[in-house]
């Protein structure tokens, strides 16, 4: 299968992500705050990748007309349902981005930069200027810029490649261990962050991951050039994730020394 070939070709980058030294620097809630203040931008731009795919693969226009491929339309609509209108720990409908912001507030992470960024956005062309208005790592800024450059390519299989292969998990098990220790040490409960992480483990492993791989296969079919594009952009997006992790690791080290 071509998907298996792609995944084999990505093993080196996946291993680099899975063994990234960033994880060893995350020792307490203070470190997680620093992580979240940068990572929230990746949580946000993931939603734009998702909506770009929904735009290409479903019909959001009026009057409605049947889509070219109902299989990929169903895939993306199921993922949108889970990401944009999931149920939080209180039973309230919320996007995963909003749930992440709630978790940041719970651990007292600073949300001012992402708030400023969101306020500055008017359309896709405003992203570049909005990124200049916030005090974040250059690697985070480059990560978001890359995402929107991919969206502007306007090719569903390329967007899907970055969506499927470029969004490695943040090792939720390790996060949960740190949070459990912090709850004992500080006699506090971080229910929102724990719920967010546990929900991601459930959705990404059981539903969204397999759906995304099927979506790639449907979009590429027997087109050799599309499969080559998928591999190229999968590698690029995974490298951008590594760069993002590098920047966050460096920021955490500096915050420890400060």
Protein backbone atom coordinates (compact mmCIF):
# COMPACT_ATOMS: atom_id res chain seq x y z
CA UNK A 1 0.00 0.00 0.00
CA UNK A 2 1.17 3.51 -0.77
CA UNK A 3 0.20 4.75 2.71
CA UNK A 4 2.55 2.18 4.26
CA UNK A 5 5.34 3.34 1.93
CA UNK A 6 4.77 6.98 2.96
CA UNK A 7 4.77 6.06 6.66
CA UNK A 8 8.00 4.10 6.25
CA UNK A 9 9.62 7.07 4.52
CA UNK A 10 8.66 9.26 7.48
CA UNK A 11 10.09 6.99 10.17
CA UNK A 12 13.26 9.06 10.63
CA UNK A 13 11.34 12.29 11.26
CA UNK A 14 8.73 10.53 13.40
CA UNK A 15 11.50 9.06 15.57
CA UNK A 16 13.11 12.50 15.87
CA UNK A 17 9.77 13.90 17.09
CA UNK A 18 9.08 11.02 19.47
CA UNK A 19 12.52 11.30 21.09
CA UNK A 20 12.76 15.11 20.98
CA UNK A 21 14.65 16.57 23.97
CA UNK A 22 11.73 18.97 24.56
CA UNK A 23 9.94 16.24 26.47
CA UNK A 24 12.78 15.87 28.96
CA UNK A 25 12.62 19.60 29.71
CA UNK A 26 8.95 19.39 30.75
CA UNK A 27 9.15 18.74 34.47
CA UNK A 28 6.37 20.76 36.09
CA UNK A 29 3.32 22.95 35.53
CA UNK A 30 5.50 26.02 35.00
CA UNK A 31 7.16 24.28 32.03
CA UNK A 32 3.77 23.22 30.66
CA UNK A 33 2.60 26.85 30.82
CA UNK A 34 5.55 27.93 28.64
CA UNK A 35 4.80 25.07 26.26
CA UNK A 36 1.11 25.91 25.97
CA UNK A 37 1.72 29.62 25.35
CA UNK A 38 3.53 28.72 22.11
CA UNK A 39 1.73 25.50 21.19
CA UNK A 40 -1.69 27.19 21.30
CA UNK A 41 -0.85 28.77 17.93
CA UNK A 42 -0.49 25.29 16.43
CA UNK A 43 -3.79 24.25 18.01
CA UNK A 44 -5.41 27.27 16.37
CA UNK A 45 -3.93 26.87 12.89
CA UNK A 46 -4.83 23.18 12.86
CA UNK A 47 -8.45 24.34 12.71
CA UNK A 48 -7.68 26.40 9.60
CA UNK A 49 -6.15 23.35 7.89
CA UNK A 50 -9.29 21.44 8.81
CA UNK A 51 -11.65 24.11 7.46
CA UNK A 52 -9.60 24.39 4.25
CA UNK A 53 -10.15 20.67 3.70
CA UNK A 54 -13.85 21.05 4.43
CA UNK A 55 -14.00 23.86 1.85
CA UNK A 56 -12.37 21.67 -0.81
CA UNK A 57 -14.03 18.34 -0.04
CA UNK A 58 -17.61 19.32 0.83
CA UNK A 59 -20.09 21.80 -0.57
CA UNK A 60 -20.58 24.80 1.70
CA UNK A 61 -22.18 26.92 -1.04
CA UNK A 62 -25.78 27.83 -1.71
CA UNK A 63 -27.41 26.42 -3.76
CA UNK A 64 -26.05 23.05 -2.67
CA UNK A 65 -24.84 20.54 -5.26
CA UNK A 66 -23.58 16.98 -4.76
CA UNK A 67 -19.86 16.67 -4.03
CA UNK A 68 -17.44 14.82 -6.27
CA UNK A 69 -16.47 12.29 -3.59
CA UNK A 70 -18.92 11.51 -0.79
CA UNK A 71 -16.36 9.31 0.97
CA UNK A 72 -13.85 12.13 1.56
CA UNK A 73 -16.70 14.54 2.36
CA UNK A 74 -17.90 12.21 5.12
CA UNK A 75 -14.35 11.78 6.44
CA UNK A 76 -13.77 15.49 6.81
CA UNK A 77 -17.24 16.24 8.18
CA UNK A 78 -16.75 13.63 10.91
CA UNK A 79 -13.41 15.19 11.88
CA UNK A 80 -14.92 18.71 11.83
CA UNK A 81 -17.72 17.51 14.09
CA UNK A 82 -15.19 16.23 16.63
CA UNK A 83 -12.77 19.17 16.46
CA UNK A 84 -15.07 22.17 16.06
CA UNK A 85 -18.04 21.08 18.18
CA UNK A 86 -16.84 18.50 20.68
CA UNK A 87 -18.27 18.20 24.20
CA UNK A 88 -16.13 19.48 27.08
CA UNK A 89 -15.90 18.02 30.58
CA UNK A 90 -19.05 19.91 31.59
CA UNK A 91 -21.08 18.58 28.68
CA UNK A 92 -20.92 21.91 26.79
CA UNK A 93 -20.27 22.04 23.01
CA UNK A 94 -16.86 23.63 22.36
CA UNK A 95 -14.08 23.52 19.79
CA UNK A 96 -10.82 21.91 20.83
CA UNK A 97 -9.15 25.29 20.48
CA UNK A 98 -11.56 26.81 23.01
CA UNK A 99 -11.06 23.83 25.30
CA UNK A 100 -7.31 24.41 25.07
CA UNK A 101 -7.75 28.07 26.03
CA UNK A 102 -9.88 26.99 29.00
CA UNK A 103 -7.10 24.60 30.05
CA UNK A 104 -4.53 27.42 29.73
CA UNK A 105 -6.63 29.62 32.01
CA UNK A 106 -6.96 26.76 34.48
CA UNK A 107 -3.17 26.39 34.85
CA UNK A 108 -2.76 30.20 34.69
CA UNK A 109 -0.86 30.20 31.41
CA UNK A 110 -0.72 33.55 29.59
CA UNK A 111 -3.28 33.78 26.78
CA UNK A 112 -2.67 37.45 25.91
CA UNK A 113 -0.58 36.76 22.78
CA UNK A 114 -3.05 34.36 21.19
CA UNK A 115 -5.89 36.74 22.17
CA UNK A 116 -4.12 39.67 20.44
CA UNK A 117 -3.43 37.49 17.40
CA UNK A 118 -7.08 36.43 17.04
CA UNK A 119 -8.24 40.05 17.37
CA UNK A 120 -5.96 41.11 14.49
CA UNK A 121 -7.29 38.52 12.03
CA UNK A 122 -9.79 39.67 9.42
CA UNK A 123 -9.09 37.27 6.53
CA UNK A 124 -6.41 34.88 5.25
CA UNK A 125 -4.29 37.79 4.01
CA UNK A 126 -4.14 39.36 7.48
CA UNK A 127 -2.22 36.41 8.98
CA UNK A 128 1.24 37.75 8.12
CA UNK A 129 0.64 41.12 9.79
CA UNK A 130 -1.12 39.52 12.77
CA UNK A 131 1.93 37.32 13.37
CA UNK A 132 4.12 40.44 13.50
CA UNK A 133 1.98 41.85 16.32
CA UNK A 134 2.60 39.07 18.84
CA UNK A 135 5.59 38.22 21.02
CA UNK A 136 6.17 34.56 20.23
CA UNK A 137 9.07 32.40 19.10
CA UNK A 138 10.24 32.86 15.53
CA UNK A 139 9.80 29.10 15.09
CA UNK A 140 6.14 29.40 16.13
CA UNK A 141 5.65 32.29 13.74
CA UNK A 142 7.24 30.28 10.91
CA UNK A 143 5.09 27.26 11.77
CA UNK A 144 1.83 29.21 11.34
CA UNK A 145 3.13 30.95 8.20
CA UNK A 146 3.96 27.55 6.67
CA UNK A 147 0.44 26.31 7.41
CA UNK A 148 -1.13 29.19 5.53
CA UNK A 149 1.31 28.88 2.64
CA UNK A 150 0.13 25.27 2.31
CA UNK A 151 -3.52 26.37 2.41
CA UNK A 152 -2.83 28.92 -0.34
CA UNK A 153 -1.45 26.17 -2.62
CA UNK A 154 -5.12 25.21 -2.93
CA UNK A 155 -4.48 21.50 -3.49
CA UNK A 156 -6.54 19.21 -1.23
CA UNK A 157 -4.06 16.31 -1.24
CA UNK A 158 -1.23 18.64 -0.14
CA UNK A 159 -3.33 20.20 2.63
CA UNK A 160 -4.36 16.69 3.70
CA UNK A 161 -0.70 15.60 3.82
CA UNK A 162 0.17 18.35 6.30
CA UNK A 163 -3.03 17.73 8.25
CA UNK A 164 -2.46 13.98 8.51
CA UNK A 165 1.30 13.63 8.93
CA UNK A 166 2.44 17.00 10.25
CA UNK A 167 0.45 17.06 13.47
CA UNK A 168 2.27 14.72 15.81
CA UNK A 169 0.77 14.22 19.27
CA UNK A 170 2.31 16.06 22.23
CA UNK A 171 2.93 12.77 24.05
CA UNK A 172 -0.24 13.12 26.19
CA UNK A 173 0.72 10.23 28.50
CA UNK A 174 3.81 12.12 29.63
CA UNK A 175 1.77 15.30 30.12
CA UNK A 176 -0.78 13.46 32.20
CA UNK A 177 1.98 12.12 34.45
CA UNK A 178 3.29 15.66 35.11
CA UNK A 179 -0.23 16.94 35.80
CA UNK A 180 -0.98 14.10 38.22
CA UNK A 181 2.21 14.90 40.18
CA UNK A 182 1.39 18.62 40.19
CA UNK A 183 -2.10 17.93 41.53
CA UNK A 184 -0.58 16.05 44.45
CA UNK A 185 2.15 18.62 45.13
CA UNK A 186 -0.07 21.70 44.83
CA UNK A 187 -3.30 20.13 46.09
CA UNK A 188 -5.12 21.38 42.96
CA UNK A 189 -7.15 19.76 40.22
CA UNK A 190 -6.45 20.44 36.54
CA UNK A 191 -9.61 18.83 35.20
CA UNK A 192 -9.84 20.85 31.97
CA UNK A 193 -6.29 20.09 30.82
CA UNK A 194 -6.60 16.42 31.75
CA UNK A 195 -9.90 16.13 29.90
CA UNK A 196 -8.46 17.84 26.79
CA UNK A 197 -5.49 15.45 26.69
CA UNK A 198 -7.55 12.34 27.38
CA UNK A 199 -10.06 13.35 24.70
CA UNK A 200 -7.25 13.75 22.18
CA UNK A 201 -5.85 10.32 22.98
CA UNK A 202 -9.32 8.87 22.38
CA UNK A 203 -10.18 10.76 19.17
CA UNK A 204 -6.79 10.78 17.43
CA UNK A 205 -6.06 7.11 18.04
CA UNK A 206 -9.50 5.59 17.52
CA UNK A 207 -11.12 7.87 14.97
CA UNK A 208 -9.31 10.83 13.41
CA UNK A 209 -5.98 9.15 12.70
CA UNK A 210 -7.44 6.25 10.67
CA UNK A 211 -9.91 8.57 8.92
CA UNK A 212 -7.11 10.91 7.84
CA UNK A 213 -5.09 8.07 6.32
CA UNK A 214 -8.14 6.89 4.36
CA UNK A 215 -8.68 10.45 3.17
CA UNK A 216 -5.13 10.59 1.77
CA UNK A 217 -5.70 7.35 -0.15
CA UNK A 218 -8.97 8.60 -1.59
CA UNK A 219 -7.47 11.95 -2.65
CA UNK A 220 -4.40 10.45 -4.32
CA UNK A 221 -5.86 7.31 -5.88
CA UNK A 222 -3.42 6.09 -8.55
CA UNK A 223 -1.93 9.51 -9.26
CA UNK A 224 1.84 9.13 -8.86
CA UNK A 225 2.48 12.87 -8.72
CA UNK A 226 -0.02 13.34 -5.91
CA UNK A 227 1.63 10.60 -3.85
CA UNK A 228 5.02 12.28 -4.43
CA UNK A 229 3.52 15.60 -3.31
CA UNK A 230 2.12 13.96 -0.17
CA UNK A 231 5.52 12.59 0.80
CA UNK A 232 7.26 15.92 0.11
CA UNK A 233 4.81 17.99 2.16
CA UNK A 234 4.51 15.41 4.91
CA UNK A 235 8.28 15.67 5.41
CA UNK A 236 8.19 19.48 5.26
CA UNK A 237 5.39 19.72 7.79
CA UNK A 238 7.05 17.26 10.18
CA UNK A 239 10.26 19.27 9.97
CA UNK A 240 8.30 22.41 10.83
CA UNK A 241 6.93 20.57 13.89
CA UNK A 242 10.50 19.66 14.92
CA UNK A 243 11.52 23.31 14.51
CA UNK A 244 8.54 24.36 16.65
CA UNK A 245 9.62 21.91 19.36
CA UNK A 246 13.21 23.22 19.16
CA UNK A 247 12.00 26.76 19.82
CA UNK A 248 9.80 25.74 22.75
CA UNK A 249 12.57 23.63 24.29
CA UNK A 250 14.94 26.62 24.15
CA UNK A 251 12.32 28.93 25.69
CA UNK A 252 11.70 26.54 28.59
CA UNK A 253 15.44 26.27 29.28
CA UNK A 254 15.71 30.07 29.36
CA UNK A 255 12.71 30.36 31.70
CA UNK A 256 14.35 27.93 34.13
CA UNK A 257 17.51 30.04 34.19
CA UNK A 258 15.60 33.32 34.57
